[in-house]
N, C-alpha and C. Protein backbone atom coordinates (compact mmCIF):
# COMPACT_ATOMS: atom_id res chain seq x y z
N UNK A 1 -23.51 -71.74 -49.29
CA UNK A 1 -24.47 -70.68 -49.14
C UNK A 1 -23.94 -69.67 -48.14
N UNK A 2 -24.08 -68.35 -48.42
CA UNK A 2 -23.61 -67.26 -47.55
C UNK A 2 -24.79 -66.56 -46.90
N UNK A 3 -24.62 -66.23 -45.62
CA UNK A 3 -25.65 -65.46 -44.89
C UNK A 3 -25.17 -64.02 -44.71
N UNK A 4 -26.11 -63.11 -44.68
CA UNK A 4 -25.77 -61.70 -44.42
C UNK A 4 -25.60 -61.53 -42.92
N UNK A 5 -24.42 -61.09 -42.52
CA UNK A 5 -24.13 -60.90 -41.09
C UNK A 5 -24.41 -59.47 -40.67
N UNK A 6 -24.05 -58.48 -41.45
CA UNK A 6 -24.25 -57.08 -41.08
C UNK A 6 -23.99 -56.18 -42.25
N UNK A 7 -24.47 -54.96 -42.14
CA UNK A 7 -24.29 -53.98 -43.19
C UNK A 7 -23.62 -52.75 -42.58
N UNK A 8 -22.58 -52.27 -43.22
CA UNK A 8 -21.91 -51.06 -42.75
C UNK A 8 -22.48 -49.88 -43.52
N UNK A 9 -23.01 -48.91 -42.76
CA UNK A 9 -23.62 -47.74 -43.38
C UNK A 9 -22.86 -46.51 -42.91
N UNK A 10 -22.59 -45.62 -43.84
CA UNK A 10 -21.90 -44.39 -43.48
C UNK A 10 -22.91 -43.43 -42.85
N UNK A 11 -22.52 -42.78 -41.77
CA UNK A 11 -23.40 -41.84 -41.07
C UNK A 11 -23.64 -40.62 -41.94
N UNK A 12 -24.83 -39.99 -41.80
CA UNK A 12 -25.09 -38.79 -42.60
C UNK A 12 -24.15 -37.65 -42.21
N UNK A 13 -23.86 -36.78 -43.18
CA UNK A 13 -22.96 -35.66 -42.91
C UNK A 13 -23.59 -34.65 -41.97
N UNK A 14 -24.88 -34.48 -42.03
CA UNK A 14 -25.59 -33.55 -41.15
C UNK A 14 -26.59 -34.33 -40.33
N UNK A 15 -26.86 -33.85 -39.15
CA UNK A 15 -27.82 -34.51 -38.28
C UNK A 15 -29.23 -34.20 -38.78
N UNK A 16 -30.02 -35.21 -39.13
CA UNK A 16 -31.37 -34.94 -39.64
C UNK A 16 -32.28 -34.26 -38.61
N UNK A 17 -31.95 -34.36 -37.33
CA UNK A 17 -32.75 -33.69 -36.31
C UNK A 17 -32.62 -32.17 -36.40
N UNK A 18 -31.52 -31.69 -36.98
CA UNK A 18 -31.31 -30.25 -37.08
C UNK A 18 -32.35 -29.59 -37.99
N UNK A 19 -32.93 -30.33 -38.90
CA UNK A 19 -33.95 -29.75 -39.78
C UNK A 19 -35.27 -29.57 -39.05
N UNK A 20 -35.49 -30.30 -37.96
CA UNK A 20 -36.76 -30.24 -37.22
C UNK A 20 -36.64 -29.36 -35.98
N UNK A 21 -35.55 -29.53 -35.24
CA UNK A 21 -35.38 -28.81 -33.98
C UNK A 21 -34.86 -27.39 -34.24
N UNK A 22 -35.26 -26.42 -33.38
CA UNK A 22 -34.71 -25.07 -33.53
C UNK A 22 -33.23 -25.06 -33.12
N UNK A 23 -32.49 -24.10 -33.64
CA UNK A 23 -31.07 -24.02 -33.33
C UNK A 23 -30.88 -23.62 -31.87
N UNK A 24 -29.86 -24.16 -31.27
CA UNK A 24 -29.55 -23.84 -29.88
C UNK A 24 -29.02 -22.41 -29.79
N UNK A 25 -29.45 -21.67 -28.76
CA UNK A 25 -28.91 -20.32 -28.60
C UNK A 25 -27.44 -20.39 -28.19
N UNK A 26 -26.69 -19.41 -28.62
CA UNK A 26 -25.27 -19.37 -28.31
C UNK A 26 -25.11 -18.91 -26.87
N UNK A 27 -24.43 -19.72 -26.07
CA UNK A 27 -24.21 -19.36 -24.67
C UNK A 27 -23.00 -18.45 -24.57
N UNK A 28 -23.17 -17.35 -23.83
CA UNK A 28 -22.04 -16.46 -23.58
C UNK A 28 -21.49 -16.79 -22.21
N UNK A 29 -20.20 -16.65 -22.08
CA UNK A 29 -19.56 -16.93 -20.80
C UNK A 29 -19.92 -15.81 -19.82
N UNK A 30 -20.30 -16.15 -18.60
CA UNK A 30 -20.60 -15.11 -17.62
C UNK A 30 -19.31 -14.38 -17.22
N UNK A 31 -19.44 -13.07 -17.02
CA UNK A 31 -18.28 -12.28 -16.63
C UNK A 31 -18.03 -12.47 -15.14
N UNK A 32 -16.80 -12.73 -14.74
CA UNK A 32 -16.52 -12.88 -13.32
C UNK A 32 -16.62 -11.52 -12.61
N UNK A 33 -17.16 -11.55 -11.41
CA UNK A 33 -17.28 -10.31 -10.64
C UNK A 33 -16.08 -10.21 -9.71
N UNK A 34 -15.44 -9.05 -9.69
CA UNK A 34 -14.28 -8.90 -8.81
C UNK A 34 -14.71 -8.88 -7.34
N UNK A 35 -13.92 -9.49 -6.50
CA UNK A 35 -14.20 -9.49 -5.07
C UNK A 35 -13.06 -8.81 -4.34
N UNK A 36 -13.39 -8.14 -3.27
CA UNK A 36 -12.39 -7.46 -2.46
C UNK A 36 -12.38 -8.10 -1.09
N UNK A 37 -11.21 -8.51 -0.65
CA UNK A 37 -11.08 -9.12 0.66
C UNK A 37 -10.32 -8.17 1.57
N UNK A 38 -10.93 -7.84 2.70
CA UNK A 38 -10.28 -6.97 3.68
C UNK A 38 -10.14 -7.77 4.96
N UNK A 39 -8.92 -7.82 5.49
CA UNK A 39 -8.63 -8.58 6.69
C UNK A 39 -8.37 -7.62 7.84
N UNK A 40 -8.96 -7.90 9.01
CA UNK A 40 -8.73 -7.08 10.19
C UNK A 40 -7.55 -7.65 10.95
N UNK A 41 -6.54 -6.82 11.19
CA UNK A 41 -5.36 -7.22 11.93
C UNK A 41 -5.62 -7.05 13.43
N UNK A 42 -4.82 -7.67 14.29
CA UNK A 42 -5.01 -7.53 15.74
C UNK A 42 -4.93 -6.08 16.23
N UNK A 43 -4.17 -5.22 15.54
CA UNK A 43 -4.07 -3.82 15.98
C UNK A 43 -5.21 -2.97 15.42
N UNK A 44 -6.14 -3.57 14.68
CA UNK A 44 -7.29 -2.84 14.16
C UNK A 44 -7.13 -2.34 12.74
N UNK A 45 -5.95 -2.54 12.14
CA UNK A 45 -5.74 -2.09 10.76
C UNK A 45 -6.55 -2.96 9.80
N UNK A 46 -7.12 -2.33 8.78
CA UNK A 46 -7.81 -3.05 7.71
C UNK A 46 -6.83 -3.21 6.56
N UNK A 47 -6.55 -4.45 6.17
CA UNK A 47 -5.55 -4.74 5.14
C UNK A 47 -6.25 -5.42 3.98
N UNK A 48 -6.02 -4.90 2.73
CA UNK A 48 -6.64 -5.53 1.56
C UNK A 48 -5.80 -6.72 1.13
N UNK A 49 -6.21 -7.37 0.05
CA UNK A 49 -5.56 -8.59 -0.42
C UNK A 49 -4.11 -8.43 -0.79
N UNK A 50 -3.69 -7.23 -1.19
CA UNK A 50 -2.30 -7.02 -1.59
C UNK A 50 -1.41 -6.65 -0.42
N UNK A 51 -1.95 -6.58 0.81
CA UNK A 51 -1.15 -6.24 1.98
C UNK A 51 -1.12 -4.76 2.29
N UNK A 52 -1.89 -3.97 1.57
CA UNK A 52 -1.90 -2.52 1.77
C UNK A 52 -2.90 -2.16 2.87
N UNK A 53 -2.48 -1.31 3.83
CA UNK A 53 -3.37 -0.88 4.91
C UNK A 53 -4.34 0.14 4.34
N UNK A 54 -5.64 -0.13 4.48
CA UNK A 54 -6.66 0.76 3.91
C UNK A 54 -7.45 1.50 4.98
N UNK A 55 -7.19 1.26 6.25
CA UNK A 55 -7.90 1.97 7.30
C UNK A 55 -7.71 1.28 8.63
N UNK A 56 -8.47 1.75 9.62
CA UNK A 56 -8.43 1.18 10.96
C UNK A 56 -9.84 1.15 11.49
N UNK A 57 -10.24 0.04 12.13
CA UNK A 57 -11.62 -0.08 12.61
C UNK A 57 -11.90 0.85 13.77
N UNK A 58 -10.87 1.37 14.41
CA UNK A 58 -11.07 2.27 15.54
C UNK A 58 -11.31 3.70 15.10
N UNK A 59 -11.11 4.00 13.82
CA UNK A 59 -11.34 5.35 13.31
C UNK A 59 -12.82 5.55 13.00
N UNK A 60 -13.30 6.79 13.15
CA UNK A 60 -14.66 7.13 12.74
C UNK A 60 -14.56 8.04 11.53
N UNK A 61 -15.51 7.98 10.60
CA UNK A 61 -15.42 8.77 9.38
C UNK A 61 -15.46 10.28 9.62
N UNK A 62 -16.14 10.76 10.68
CA UNK A 62 -16.31 12.19 10.89
C UNK A 62 -15.22 12.85 11.69
N UNK A 63 -14.32 12.14 12.29
CA UNK A 63 -13.28 12.75 13.11
C UNK A 63 -12.80 11.74 14.13
N UNK A 64 -12.10 12.25 15.17
CA UNK A 64 -11.58 11.32 16.17
C UNK A 64 -12.68 10.95 17.16
N UNK A 65 -12.55 9.79 17.77
CA UNK A 65 -13.60 9.25 18.63
C UNK A 65 -13.73 10.05 19.92
N UNK A 66 -12.63 10.58 20.45
CA UNK A 66 -12.70 11.31 21.72
C UNK A 66 -13.50 12.60 21.58
N UNK A 67 -13.32 13.32 20.50
CA UNK A 67 -14.06 14.57 20.30
C UNK A 67 -15.54 14.33 20.11
N UNK A 68 -15.91 13.26 19.40
CA UNK A 68 -17.33 12.97 19.18
C UNK A 68 -18.01 12.54 20.47
N UNK A 69 -17.32 11.76 21.31
CA UNK A 69 -17.93 11.29 22.55
C UNK A 69 -18.19 12.47 23.49
N UNK A 70 -17.26 13.41 23.55
CA UNK A 70 -17.46 14.57 24.42
C UNK A 70 -18.63 15.41 23.93
N UNK A 71 -18.79 15.53 22.64
CA UNK A 71 -19.90 16.31 22.09
C UNK A 71 -21.23 15.65 22.38
N UNK A 72 -21.30 14.32 22.35
CA UNK A 72 -22.54 13.62 22.64
C UNK A 72 -22.93 13.78 24.11
N UNK A 73 -21.95 13.76 25.00
CA UNK A 73 -22.26 13.88 26.41
C UNK A 73 -22.84 15.25 26.71
N UNK A 74 -22.33 16.28 26.09
CA UNK A 74 -22.85 17.62 26.33
C UNK A 74 -24.24 17.78 25.74
N UNK A 75 -24.51 17.15 24.62
CA UNK A 75 -25.82 17.29 23.99
C UNK A 75 -26.92 16.59 24.77
N UNK A 76 -26.60 15.53 25.49
CA UNK A 76 -27.61 14.78 26.23
C UNK A 76 -27.77 15.28 27.66
N UNK A 77 -26.95 16.21 28.10
CA UNK A 77 -27.02 16.69 29.48
C UNK A 77 -28.31 17.46 29.70
N UNK A 78 -28.89 17.31 30.92
CA UNK A 78 -30.10 18.03 31.28
C UNK A 78 -29.78 19.00 32.42
N UNK A 79 -30.52 20.07 32.54
CA UNK A 79 -30.27 21.00 33.65
C UNK A 79 -30.56 20.33 34.99
N UNK A 80 -30.01 20.92 36.06
CA UNK A 80 -30.16 20.34 37.39
C UNK A 80 -31.61 20.29 37.86
N UNK A 81 -32.44 21.20 37.42
CA UNK A 81 -33.82 21.24 37.89
C UNK A 81 -34.76 20.41 37.03
N UNK A 82 -34.25 19.54 36.14
CA UNK A 82 -35.11 18.74 35.27
C UNK A 82 -35.94 17.75 36.09
N UNK A 83 -35.39 17.22 37.18
CA UNK A 83 -36.14 16.27 38.00
C UNK A 83 -37.32 16.96 38.68
N UNK A 84 -37.20 18.23 39.02
CA UNK A 84 -38.27 18.96 39.69
C UNK A 84 -39.43 19.25 38.75
N UNK A 85 -39.19 19.30 37.43
CA UNK A 85 -40.25 19.61 36.47
C UNK A 85 -41.21 18.44 36.28
N UNK A 86 -40.86 17.25 36.71
CA UNK A 86 -41.69 16.08 36.47
C UNK A 86 -42.81 15.91 37.47
N UNK A 87 -42.95 16.76 38.46
CA UNK A 87 -43.97 16.61 39.51
C UNK A 87 -45.37 16.76 38.99
């Protein structure tokens, strides 16, 4: 007498769950964002990633620092009799 030990069944060609579940949305790869690295050197130079000097931290965008400081001092100066007006 023979006993049945197991049955080999071929898997379906398509997943039956696909007929019930909605299709998965296609994922798009996120675009990488470029980053810029600027390194400050001991002398104050700003150096980008390729080694190119792009500026200096001691510079001001409007001109040289000495001229701007002198202009600020003159603008804030008060006349000699300003203390007498406060009475």
